[in-house]
Amino acid sequence: MTRAFLIAVLASLLAGPRVRGQDTQPEPPPGVLCPVTPEEPIDPAIYTDYKGKRVYFCCRRCLAKFKKEPEKYAVLAVSAPAQDADHATDGTPPAQPAGPDEHEDEPAGHDHAAHAEGTPGFVEWLGNFHPAATDFPVALLSAAFVAEMLFLLRREVWLDHAGRFCIWGAAITGVITAALGWCFAGFRLVDPDRMLMLHRWLGTGAAVVMVAVVFLSERARATPEPRRGAYRAVLTAGALLVLVTAFLGGAMVWGLDHYKLPW
């Protein structure tokens, strides 16, 4: 029995990892171009599902742009899977269907530096730092929560100092990250993509909560121990909030099941 189990494990390793969605989604047809940058061929590994169809992109920046304004690229995106039926018999890729008038000013080639309408180029350039900046408030506030829980158990002063340092770092980087997020997604109150709008406002709220945690932290350290209850409650809520916000940020690129086990 042990030998059979080892053979089965070896066979599964040799077969390679399973690709998410391969049992239900076929390979994209040849000749499909990116709906955001229509002159570029798609990368089969970069996709999202839109209105029951799988839409492929040439890069993750185009995927993020589609997530922000799916209606703007809807004509090209929905039309892309149907190109296989019109594929030319001589093997040449079919022409990409023309979109509405607003696509006429899209840049030619793989020019991903083009900024959104009404957004200055420098502002959008700043927004490019948002994905990398999110690591700091998430990590620092999580570390502050762990330090406070350990301080509650062990009462060691260095843990209290470590938590205070992490809280200040989380608040500073959290406010910066939230501002960069607005630069990245555009300055609007309502987004066509519900997940983007939820991520936007949760991230903004998380920055406010982190500032509140700093205030409660400083007040708690200046008062007797019973006054730390409110600080710990808001710290716990803030740590959960930033984790949920980070999850939604990843879900916009990788999908809601991006933490799903491959088996």
Protein backbone atom coordinates (compact mmCIF):
# COMPACT_ATOMS: atom_id res chain seq x y z
CA MET A 1 0.00 0.00 0.00
CA THR A 2 2.87 2.36 0.84
CA ARG A 3 4.50 1.61 -2.49
CA ALA A 4 1.29 2.36 -4.39
CA PHE A 5 0.90 5.65 -2.51
CA LEU A 6 4.46 6.70 -3.39
CA ILE A 7 3.87 5.83 -7.05
CA ALA A 8 0.68 7.91 -7.08
CA VAL A 9 2.46 10.91 -5.52
CA LEU A 10 5.33 10.63 -8.01
CA ALA A 11 2.90 10.46 -10.91
CA SER A 12 1.08 13.58 -9.75
CA LEU A 13 4.38 15.47 -9.45
CA LEU A 14 5.49 14.44 -12.91
CA ALA A 15 2.14 15.53 -14.32
CA GLY A 16 2.84 19.12 -13.21
CA PRO A 17 0.60 21.58 -11.42
CA ARG A 18 -2.94 22.07 -12.53
CA VAL A 19 -3.81 25.38 -14.13
CA ARG A 20 -6.79 27.14 -12.60
CA GLY A 21 -9.82 26.89 -14.80
CA GLN A 22 -8.31 24.47 -17.33
CA ASP A 23 -11.18 22.00 -16.97
CA THR A 24 -13.85 24.54 -17.85
CA GLN A 25 -12.11 27.12 -20.04
CA PRO A 26 -10.48 26.26 -23.39
CA GLU A 27 -7.34 27.90 -24.69
CA PRO A 28 -7.94 31.32 -26.30
CA PRO A 29 -8.35 31.22 -30.09
CA PRO A 30 -5.43 32.40 -32.23
CA GLY A 31 -5.28 36.01 -33.28
CA VAL A 32 -7.00 37.49 -30.23
CA LEU A 33 -5.66 40.92 -29.35
CA CYS A 34 -5.73 42.86 -26.11
CA PRO A 35 -8.95 44.90 -25.76
CA VAL A 36 -7.10 47.70 -23.95
CA THR A 37 -4.09 47.89 -26.29
CA PRO A 38 -5.61 46.52 -29.52
CA GLU A 39 -2.29 46.27 -31.38
CA GLU A 40 -0.85 43.78 -28.88
CA PRO A 41 -1.42 40.00 -28.76
CA ILE A 42 -2.79 38.61 -25.54
CA ASP A 43 -0.95 36.63 -22.89
CA PRO A 44 -3.03 33.49 -22.13
CA ALA A 45 -1.93 33.64 -18.48
CA ILE A 46 -3.47 37.07 -17.92
CA TYR A 47 -7.27 37.11 -17.99
CA THR A 48 -10.48 37.91 -16.17
CA ASP A 49 -14.10 36.82 -16.52
CA TYR A 50 -16.55 39.42 -17.81
CA LYS A 51 -20.27 38.73 -18.35
CA GLY A 52 -19.74 34.99 -18.64
CA LYS A 53 -16.80 35.20 -21.04
CA ARG A 54 -13.08 34.98 -20.45
CA VAL A 55 -11.21 38.09 -21.56
CA TYR A 56 -7.44 37.99 -22.11
CA PHE A 57 -4.91 40.83 -21.95
CA CYS A 58 -1.35 41.52 -23.01
CA CYS A 59 -0.17 42.59 -19.55
CA ARG A 60 -1.42 43.14 -16.02
CA ARG A 61 -1.52 46.91 -16.44
CA CYS A 62 -4.12 46.48 -19.18
CA LEU A 63 -6.01 44.08 -16.93
CA ALA A 64 -6.06 46.72 -14.18
CA LYS A 65 -7.31 49.34 -16.65
CA PHE A 66 -10.09 47.01 -17.78
CA LYS A 67 -11.08 46.40 -14.16
CA LYS A 68 -11.37 50.15 -13.61
CA GLU A 69 -13.54 50.85 -16.68
CA PRO A 70 -14.91 47.61 -18.16
CA GLU A 71 -17.65 49.38 -20.14
CA LYS A 72 -15.07 51.42 -22.02
CA TYR A 73 -13.48 48.29 -23.47
CA ALA A 74 -16.60 46.09 -23.46
CA VAL A 75 -17.03 45.96 -27.25
CA LEU A 76 -13.53 44.68 -27.88
CA ALA A 77 -13.55 42.42 -24.83
CA VAL A 78 -16.82 40.63 -25.59
CA SER A 79 -16.01 40.35 -29.28
CA ALA A 80 -12.61 38.78 -28.74
CA PRO A 81 -13.70 35.14 -28.04
CA ALA A 82 -15.82 35.11 -31.20
CA GLN A 83 -12.89 35.81 -33.50
CA ASP A 84 -12.03 32.14 -33.85
CA ALA A 85 -15.14 31.52 -35.93
CA ASP A 86 -14.03 34.20 -38.44
CA HIS A 87 -10.43 33.03 -38.53
CA ALA A 88 -9.10 33.23 -42.06
CA THR A 89 -8.49 30.02 -43.93
CA ASP A 90 -4.98 31.07 -44.97
CA GLY A 91 -3.84 31.11 -41.35
CA THR A 92 -3.60 34.88 -40.97
CA PRO A 93 -5.12 36.31 -37.78
CA PRO A 94 -8.46 38.07 -38.16
CA ALA A 95 -8.70 41.81 -37.82
CA GLN A 96 -9.61 43.13 -34.40
CA PRO A 97 -13.18 44.48 -34.45
CA ALA A 98 -13.47 48.22 -34.32
CA GLY A 99 -14.71 49.77 -31.11
CA PRO A 100 -16.72 52.90 -30.45
CA ASP A 101 -15.41 56.38 -31.11
CA GLU A 102 -13.78 56.76 -27.70
CA HIS A 103 -11.20 54.11 -28.67
CA GLU A 104 -9.90 56.14 -31.60
CA ASP A 105 -7.57 58.11 -29.34
CA GLU A 106 -6.03 54.98 -27.78
CA PRO A 107 -2.24 54.98 -28.23
CA ALA A 108 -0.73 52.73 -30.87
CA GLY A 109 1.58 49.94 -29.83
CA HIS A 110 2.38 48.85 -26.31
CA ASP A 111 2.32 52.34 -24.85
CA HIS A 112 1.11 51.71 -21.30
CA ALA A 113 2.31 55.09 -20.11
CA ALA A 114 -0.78 56.77 -21.53
CA HIS A 115 -2.80 58.20 -18.65
CA ALA A 116 -6.52 58.13 -18.13
CA GLU A 117 -8.62 60.93 -19.51
CA GLY A 118 -8.50 63.98 -17.27
CA THR A 119 -5.67 62.59 -15.10
CA PRO A 120 -2.26 64.32 -15.37
CA GLY A 121 0.53 62.00 -16.42
CA PHE A 122 2.57 62.74 -13.31
CA VAL A 123 -0.36 61.85 -11.06
CA GLU A 124 -0.86 58.51 -12.79
CA TRP A 125 2.89 57.89 -12.62
CA LEU A 126 2.68 58.34 -8.85
CA GLY A 127 -0.21 55.88 -8.82
CA ASN A 128 2.07 53.18 -10.22
CA PHE A 129 3.71 52.99 -6.79
CA HIS A 130 0.43 52.05 -5.09
CA PRO A 131 0.66 48.23 -5.51
CA ALA A 132 4.16 48.12 -4.00
CA ALA A 133 3.31 50.60 -1.23
CA THR A 134 0.45 48.45 0.07
CA ASP A 135 2.93 45.99 1.58
CA PHE A 136 4.04 48.48 4.25
CA PRO A 137 0.78 49.34 6.06
CA VAL A 138 -0.43 45.73 5.85
CA ALA A 139 2.78 44.34 7.33
CA LEU A 140 3.28 47.07 9.93
CA LEU A 141 -0.27 47.06 11.28
CA SER A 142 -0.27 43.25 11.43
CA ALA A 143 3.04 43.38 13.30
CA ALA A 144 1.61 45.97 15.70
CA PHE A 145 -1.34 43.69 16.44
CA VAL A 146 0.96 40.73 17.12
CA ALA A 147 3.20 42.86 19.34
CA GLU A 148 0.23 44.10 21.37
CA MET A 149 -1.12 40.57 21.85
CA LEU A 150 2.30 39.37 23.01
CA PHE A 151 2.58 42.37 25.34
CA LEU A 152 -0.81 41.47 26.80
CA LEU A 153 0.54 38.00 27.63
CA ARG A 154 4.15 38.71 28.61
CA ARG A 155 4.19 42.38 29.76
CA GLU A 156 7.63 43.01 28.30
CA VAL A 157 8.41 46.66 27.63
CA TRP A 158 10.22 46.07 24.34
CA LEU A 159 7.02 44.61 22.88
CA ASP A 160 5.15 47.78 23.77
CA HIS A 161 7.84 49.88 22.08
CA ALA A 162 7.83 47.64 19.01
CA GLY A 163 4.06 47.92 18.71
CA ARG A 164 4.19 51.70 19.02
CA PHE A 165 6.83 51.93 16.28
CA CYS A 166 4.81 49.69 13.95
CA ILE A 167 1.61 51.67 14.56
CA TRP A 168 3.22 54.95 13.61
CA GLY A 169 4.81 53.36 10.56
CA ALA A 170 1.49 51.84 9.50
CA ALA A 171 -0.34 55.15 9.84
CA ILE A 172 2.23 57.12 7.83
CA THR A 173 2.55 54.55 5.05
CA GLY A 174 -1.20 53.87 5.12
CA VAL A 175 -2.10 57.49 4.38
CA ILE A 176 0.51 57.61 1.60
CA THR A 177 -0.71 54.32 0.14
CA ALA A 178 -4.33 55.46 0.15
CA ALA A 179 -3.38 58.68 -1.66
CA LEU A 180 -1.40 56.70 -4.24
CA GLY A 181 -4.42 54.46 -4.69
CA TRP A 182 -6.54 57.44 -5.70
CA CYS A 183 -3.84 58.44 -8.17
CA PHE A 184 -3.79 54.90 -9.57
CA ALA A 185 -7.54 54.35 -9.89
CA GLY A 186 -8.53 57.92 -10.72
CA PHE A 187 -10.30 60.57 -8.68
CA ARG A 188 -13.94 59.52 -8.72
CA LEU A 189 -16.47 58.70 -6.02
CA VAL A 190 -18.21 55.87 -7.90
CA ASP A 191 -16.49 53.19 -10.00
CA PRO A 192 -18.15 51.00 -12.65
CA ASP A 193 -16.42 47.98 -11.12
CA ARG A 194 -17.99 47.20 -7.73
CA MET A 195 -14.88 45.41 -6.49
CA LEU A 196 -12.72 48.40 -7.34
CA MET A 197 -15.11 50.77 -5.58
CA LEU A 198 -15.19 48.52 -2.50
CA HIS A 199 -11.39 48.29 -2.50
CA ARG A 200 -11.09 52.07 -2.91
CA TRP A 201 -13.33 52.97 0.03
CA LEU A 202 -12.11 50.20 2.31
CA GLY A 203 -8.54 51.36 1.68
CA THR A 204 -9.49 54.96 2.40
CA GLY A 205 -11.31 53.88 5.55
CA ALA A 206 -8.32 51.78 6.61
CA ALA A 207 -6.08 54.85 6.42
CA VAL A 208 -8.48 56.76 8.66
CA VAL A 209 -8.61 53.85 11.11
CA MET A 210 -4.81 53.70 11.26
CA VAL A 211 -4.66 57.38 12.18
CA ALA A 212 -7.26 56.69 14.88
CA VAL A 213 -5.14 53.78 16.16
CA VAL A 214 -2.17 56.15 16.57
CA PHE A 215 -4.33 58.56 18.60
CA LEU A 216 -5.69 55.79 20.83
CA SER A 217 -2.21 54.29 21.17
CA GLU A 218 -0.71 57.52 22.48
CA ARG A 219 -3.64 58.11 24.82
CA ALA A 220 -3.52 54.52 26.12
CA ARG A 221 0.17 54.77 26.95
CA ALA A 222 -0.49 57.89 28.99
CA THR A 223 -3.28 56.31 31.05
CA PRO A 224 -3.66 53.28 33.34
CA GLU A 225 -3.91 49.78 31.85
CA PRO A 226 -7.75 49.56 31.71
CA ARG A 227 -7.78 52.37 29.14
CA ARG A 228 -6.01 50.16 26.56
CA GLY A 229 -9.24 48.29 25.78
CA ALA A 230 -10.46 50.77 23.15
CA TYR A 231 -7.01 50.91 21.59
CA ARG A 232 -6.83 47.13 21.27
CA ALA A 233 -10.33 46.89 19.83
CA VAL A 234 -9.64 49.47 17.11
CA LEU A 235 -6.22 47.96 16.43
CA THR A 236 -7.82 44.55 15.89
CA ALA A 237 -10.48 45.99 13.61
CA GLY A 238 -7.85 47.92 11.66
CA ALA A 239 -5.66 44.86 11.19
CA LEU A 240 -8.62 42.89 9.82
CA LEU A 241 -9.65 45.80 7.60
CA VAL A 242 -6.26 46.14 5.92
CA LEU A 243 -6.12 42.39 5.31
CA VAL A 244 -9.55 42.42 3.64
CA THR A 245 -8.56 45.46 1.58
CA ALA A 246 -5.33 43.77 0.48
CA PHE A 247 -7.27 40.63 -0.47
CA LEU A 248 -9.62 42.64 -2.69
CA GLY A 249 -6.66 44.37 -4.31
CA GLY A 250 -5.20 41.00 -5.25
CA ALA A 251 -8.60 39.72 -6.35
CA MET A 252 -8.93 42.50 -8.92
CA VAL A 253 -5.86 41.12 -10.70
CA TRP A 254 -5.87 37.41 -9.88
CA GLY A 255 -9.55 36.75 -9.21
CA LEU A 256 -11.44 36.01 -6.01
CA ASP A 257 -10.07 32.47 -5.90
CA HIS A 258 -6.40 33.49 -6.10
CA TYR A 259 -5.71 31.80 -2.75
CA LYS A 260 -7.54 28.63 -3.75
CA LEU A 261 -5.46 25.49 -3.48
CA PRO A 262 -4.58 23.99 -6.89
CA TRP A 263 -6.01 20.60 -6.02
